[in-house]
Amino acid sequence: MLGLSLGKLLFTIIVVAAVFFGWKWLSRMQAVRGGAPRRVREKADRPSAPPAVEAVDMVACPVCGDYVPAKGARSCGRSGCPYPG
């Protein structure tokens, strides 16, 4: 009555495999809907490389008020500009 047949064994294996792969697929779909894939998120968590261009000190032009680099500033074209053109 409660014997284990080949049909019952195969049916049980198929059900367990379907549940396992269904759970795996569902988890993957939730990760995709939740944002970036796992690999991209891990890469974004790493510290980024330093910027290629370093920051430059800026000063306000006394004539026009625009900010220009402290070193190598050029004239704004207005009369009385203290920077060379």
N, C-alpha and C. Protein backbone atom coordinates (compact mmCIF):
# COMPACT_ATOMS: atom_id res chain seq x y z
N MET A 1 0.79 -1.18 0.00
CA MET A 1 0.00 0.00 0.00
C MET A 1 0.85 1.26 0.00
N LEU A 2 1.81 1.33 0.89
CA LEU A 2 2.66 2.51 0.96
C LEU A 2 4.01 2.25 0.30
N GLY A 3 4.04 1.37 -0.63
CA GLY A 3 5.28 1.02 -1.30
C GLY A 3 5.81 2.17 -2.15
N LEU A 4 7.10 2.17 -2.36
CA LEU A 4 7.75 3.20 -3.15
C LEU A 4 7.96 2.66 -4.56
N SER A 5 7.27 3.24 -5.52
CA SER A 5 7.42 2.79 -6.89
C SER A 5 8.29 3.79 -7.66
N LEU A 6 8.72 3.38 -8.85
CA LEU A 6 9.56 4.22 -9.69
C LEU A 6 8.79 5.47 -10.12
N GLY A 7 7.53 5.36 -10.38
CA GLY A 7 6.70 6.52 -10.78
C GLY A 7 6.62 7.56 -9.67
N LYS A 8 6.39 7.09 -8.44
CA LYS A 8 6.31 8.02 -7.31
C LYS A 8 7.66 8.71 -7.08
N LEU A 9 8.73 7.96 -7.22
CA LEU A 9 10.06 8.51 -7.02
C LEU A 9 10.37 9.58 -8.06
N LEU A 10 10.08 9.31 -9.33
CA LEU A 10 10.32 10.28 -10.40
C LEU A 10 9.44 11.52 -10.22
N PHE A 11 8.19 11.31 -9.84
CA PHE A 11 7.28 12.45 -9.61
C PHE A 11 7.82 13.34 -8.49
N THR A 12 8.30 12.74 -7.42
CA THR A 12 8.84 13.51 -6.30
C THR A 12 10.08 14.30 -6.71
N ILE A 13 10.96 13.70 -7.49
CA ILE A 13 12.17 14.37 -7.97
C ILE A 13 11.80 15.55 -8.87
N ILE A 14 10.81 15.36 -9.74
CA ILE A 14 10.38 16.42 -10.65
C ILE A 14 9.76 17.58 -9.87
N VAL A 15 8.97 17.29 -8.87
CA VAL A 15 8.35 18.35 -8.07
C VAL A 15 9.42 19.13 -7.30
N VAL A 16 10.37 18.45 -6.70
CA VAL A 16 11.43 19.11 -5.96
C VAL A 16 12.27 19.98 -6.90
N ALA A 17 12.60 19.48 -8.08
CA ALA A 17 13.38 20.26 -9.05
C ALA A 17 12.59 21.48 -9.53
N ALA A 18 11.30 21.32 -9.77
CA ALA A 18 10.48 22.45 -10.21
C ALA A 18 10.41 23.53 -9.15
N VAL A 19 10.26 23.15 -7.90
CA VAL A 19 10.23 24.13 -6.80
C VAL A 19 11.58 24.82 -6.68
N PHE A 20 12.67 24.08 -6.77
CA PHE A 20 14.01 24.66 -6.64
C PHE A 20 14.28 25.66 -7.75
N PHE A 21 14.07 25.27 -9.01
CA PHE A 21 14.35 26.17 -10.13
C PHE A 21 13.35 27.33 -10.19
N GLY A 22 12.11 27.10 -9.76
CA GLY A 22 11.14 28.19 -9.69
C GLY A 22 11.55 29.23 -8.67
N TRP A 23 12.02 28.78 -7.51
CA TRP A 23 12.48 29.70 -6.47
C TRP A 23 13.70 30.49 -6.95
N LYS A 24 14.60 29.80 -7.63
CA LYS A 24 15.80 30.45 -8.15
C LYS A 24 15.43 31.51 -9.19
N TRP A 25 14.50 31.20 -10.07
CA TRP A 25 14.06 32.14 -11.11
C TRP A 25 13.36 33.34 -10.47
N LEU A 26 12.52 33.09 -9.48
CA LEU A 26 11.80 34.16 -8.81
C LEU A 26 12.78 35.12 -8.10
N SER A 27 13.78 34.57 -7.44
CA SER A 27 14.79 35.39 -6.77
C SER A 27 15.55 36.25 -7.78
N ARG A 28 15.88 35.68 -8.91
CA ARG A 28 16.59 36.42 -9.95
C ARG A 28 15.73 37.55 -10.50
N MET A 29 14.44 37.32 -10.71
CA MET A 29 13.54 38.35 -11.22
C MET A 29 13.40 39.50 -10.22
N GLN A 30 13.34 39.18 -8.93
CA GLN A 30 13.24 40.22 -7.91
C GLN A 30 14.51 41.06 -7.86
N ALA A 31 15.66 40.43 -8.06
CA ALA A 31 16.93 41.18 -8.06
C ALA A 31 16.99 42.13 -9.26
N VAL A 32 16.49 41.68 -10.40
CA VAL A 32 16.51 42.52 -11.60
C VAL A 32 15.54 43.68 -11.43
N ARG A 33 14.37 43.44 -10.90
CA ARG A 33 13.39 44.50 -10.70
C ARG A 33 13.82 45.48 -9.62
N GLY A 34 14.59 45.01 -8.66
CA GLY A 34 15.01 45.84 -7.55
C GLY A 34 16.10 46.83 -7.91
N GLY A 35 16.66 46.78 -9.07
CA GLY A 35 17.73 47.69 -9.45
C GLY A 35 18.76 46.97 -10.30
N ALA A 36 19.98 47.37 -10.10
CA ALA A 36 21.08 46.83 -10.89
C ALA A 36 21.35 45.38 -10.51
N PRO A 37 21.86 44.60 -11.43
CA PRO A 37 22.23 43.23 -11.10
C PRO A 37 23.31 43.20 -10.02
N ARG A 38 23.48 42.05 -9.41
CA ARG A 38 24.38 41.90 -8.28
C ARG A 38 25.81 42.31 -8.64
N ARG A 39 26.31 41.93 -9.80
CA ARG A 39 27.69 42.24 -10.17
C ARG A 39 27.91 43.75 -10.27
N VAL A 40 26.94 44.45 -10.82
CA VAL A 40 27.07 45.90 -10.97
C VAL A 40 27.02 46.58 -9.61
N ARG A 41 26.16 46.11 -8.71
CA ARG A 41 26.08 46.69 -7.38
C ARG A 41 27.38 46.48 -6.63
N GLU A 42 27.99 45.30 -6.73
CA GLU A 42 29.26 45.05 -6.06
C GLU A 42 30.34 45.96 -6.59
N LYS A 43 30.34 46.20 -7.89
CA LYS A 43 31.33 47.07 -8.50
C LYS A 43 31.12 48.51 -8.05
N ALA A 44 29.88 48.93 -7.89
CA ALA A 44 29.59 50.29 -7.46
C ALA A 44 29.97 50.50 -6.00
N ASP A 45 30.00 49.45 -5.19
CA ASP A 45 30.34 49.58 -3.79
C ASP A 45 31.85 49.76 -3.58
N ARG A 46 32.64 49.38 -4.56
CA ARG A 46 34.09 49.53 -4.43
C ARG A 46 34.46 51.01 -4.49
N PRO A 47 35.55 51.39 -3.83
CA PRO A 47 35.97 52.79 -3.92
C PRO A 47 36.39 53.12 -5.35
N SER A 48 35.99 54.29 -5.80
CA SER A 48 36.30 54.67 -7.17
C SER A 48 37.72 55.19 -7.27
N ALA A 49 38.23 55.20 -8.49
CA ALA A 49 39.57 55.70 -8.74
C ALA A 49 39.58 57.22 -8.56
N PRO A 50 40.72 57.79 -8.21
CA PRO A 50 40.77 59.24 -8.05
C PRO A 50 40.48 59.93 -9.38
N PRO A 51 39.93 61.13 -9.33
CA PRO A 51 39.59 61.82 -10.57
C PRO A 51 40.83 62.10 -11.41
N ALA A 52 40.65 62.09 -12.73
CA ALA A 52 41.77 62.30 -13.64
C ALA A 52 42.26 63.74 -13.59
N VAL A 53 41.37 64.69 -13.35
CA VAL A 53 41.74 66.11 -13.31
C VAL A 53 41.66 66.57 -11.85
N GLU A 54 42.70 67.22 -11.41
CA GLU A 54 42.70 67.73 -10.04
C GLU A 54 41.94 69.04 -9.96
N ALA A 55 41.50 69.39 -8.78
CA ALA A 55 40.75 70.63 -8.56
C ALA A 55 41.67 71.83 -8.74
N VAL A 56 41.10 72.91 -9.23
CA VAL A 56 41.84 74.14 -9.46
C VAL A 56 41.24 75.23 -8.59
N ASP A 57 42.09 76.01 -7.94
CA ASP A 57 41.60 77.14 -7.14
C ASP A 57 41.07 78.21 -8.06
N MET A 58 39.91 78.76 -7.69
CA MET A 58 39.28 79.81 -8.50
C MET A 58 39.21 81.10 -7.69
N VAL A 59 39.29 82.23 -8.41
CA VAL A 59 39.15 83.55 -7.79
C VAL A 59 38.15 84.35 -8.62
N ALA A 60 37.48 85.27 -7.97
CA ALA A 60 36.51 86.11 -8.66
C ALA A 60 37.22 87.26 -9.36
N CYS A 61 36.85 87.52 -10.60
CA CYS A 61 37.39 88.66 -11.34
C CYS A 61 36.80 89.93 -10.71
N PRO A 62 37.64 90.92 -10.35
CA PRO A 62 37.12 92.13 -9.71
C PRO A 62 36.28 92.99 -10.66
N VAL A 63 36.41 92.79 -11.97
CA VAL A 63 35.67 93.61 -12.92
C VAL A 63 34.30 93.01 -13.23
N CYS A 64 34.28 91.75 -13.64
CA CYS A 64 33.01 91.15 -14.08
C CYS A 64 32.38 90.23 -13.04
N GLY A 65 33.15 89.77 -12.05
CA GLY A 65 32.60 88.90 -11.02
C GLY A 65 32.63 87.42 -11.36
N ASP A 66 33.03 87.07 -12.60
CA ASP A 66 33.13 85.66 -12.97
C ASP A 66 34.31 85.01 -12.26
N TYR A 67 34.18 83.73 -11.99
CA TYR A 67 35.28 83.00 -11.36
C TYR A 67 36.21 82.47 -12.44
N VAL A 68 37.51 82.72 -12.25
CA VAL A 68 38.53 82.30 -13.20
C VAL A 68 39.61 81.55 -12.42
N PRO A 69 40.40 80.70 -13.10
CA PRO A 69 41.47 79.99 -12.39
C PRO A 69 42.47 80.98 -11.79
N ALA A 70 42.97 80.66 -10.60
CA ALA A 70 43.93 81.55 -9.94
C ALA A 70 45.23 81.64 -10.72
N LYS A 71 45.64 80.54 -11.35
CA LYS A 71 46.85 80.53 -12.17
C LYS A 71 46.43 80.41 -13.63
N GLY A 72 46.95 81.26 -14.47
CA GLY A 72 46.68 81.17 -15.90
C GLY A 72 45.35 81.78 -16.31
N ALA A 73 44.84 82.73 -15.54
CA ALA A 73 43.57 83.37 -15.88
C ALA A 73 43.75 84.26 -17.10
N ARG A 74 42.70 84.35 -17.91
CA ARG A 74 42.73 85.20 -19.11
C ARG A 74 41.75 86.35 -18.95
N SER A 75 41.96 87.36 -19.73
CA SER A 75 41.11 88.54 -19.68
C SER A 75 39.68 88.20 -20.09
N CYS A 76 38.73 88.88 -19.43
CA CYS A 76 37.33 88.67 -19.76
C CYS A 76 36.91 89.54 -20.94
N GLY A 77 37.77 90.45 -21.38
CA GLY A 77 37.47 91.29 -22.53
C GLY A 77 36.91 92.65 -22.17
N ARG A 78 36.65 92.88 -20.92
CA ARG A 78 36.13 94.16 -20.48
C ARG A 78 37.28 95.09 -20.12
N SER A 79 37.01 96.37 -20.22
CA SER A 79 38.08 97.32 -19.90
C SER A 79 38.35 97.30 -18.41
N GLY A 80 39.61 97.36 -18.05
CA GLY A 80 40.02 97.34 -16.66
C GLY A 80 40.24 95.96 -16.09
N CYS A 81 40.16 94.92 -16.90
CA CYS A 81 40.38 93.55 -16.41
C CYS A 81 41.86 93.40 -16.04
N PRO A 82 42.15 92.91 -14.82
CA PRO A 82 43.55 92.82 -14.39
C PRO A 82 44.31 91.64 -14.99
N TYR A 83 43.64 90.74 -15.65
CA TYR A 83 44.31 89.53 -16.16
C TYR A 83 44.75 89.75 -17.60
N PRO A 84 45.90 89.16 -17.97
CA PRO A 84 46.40 89.35 -19.33
C PRO A 84 45.51 88.61 -20.34
N GLY A 85 45.44 89.13 -21.53
CA GLY A 85 44.54 88.57 -22.52
C GLY A 85 45.14 87.64 -23.44
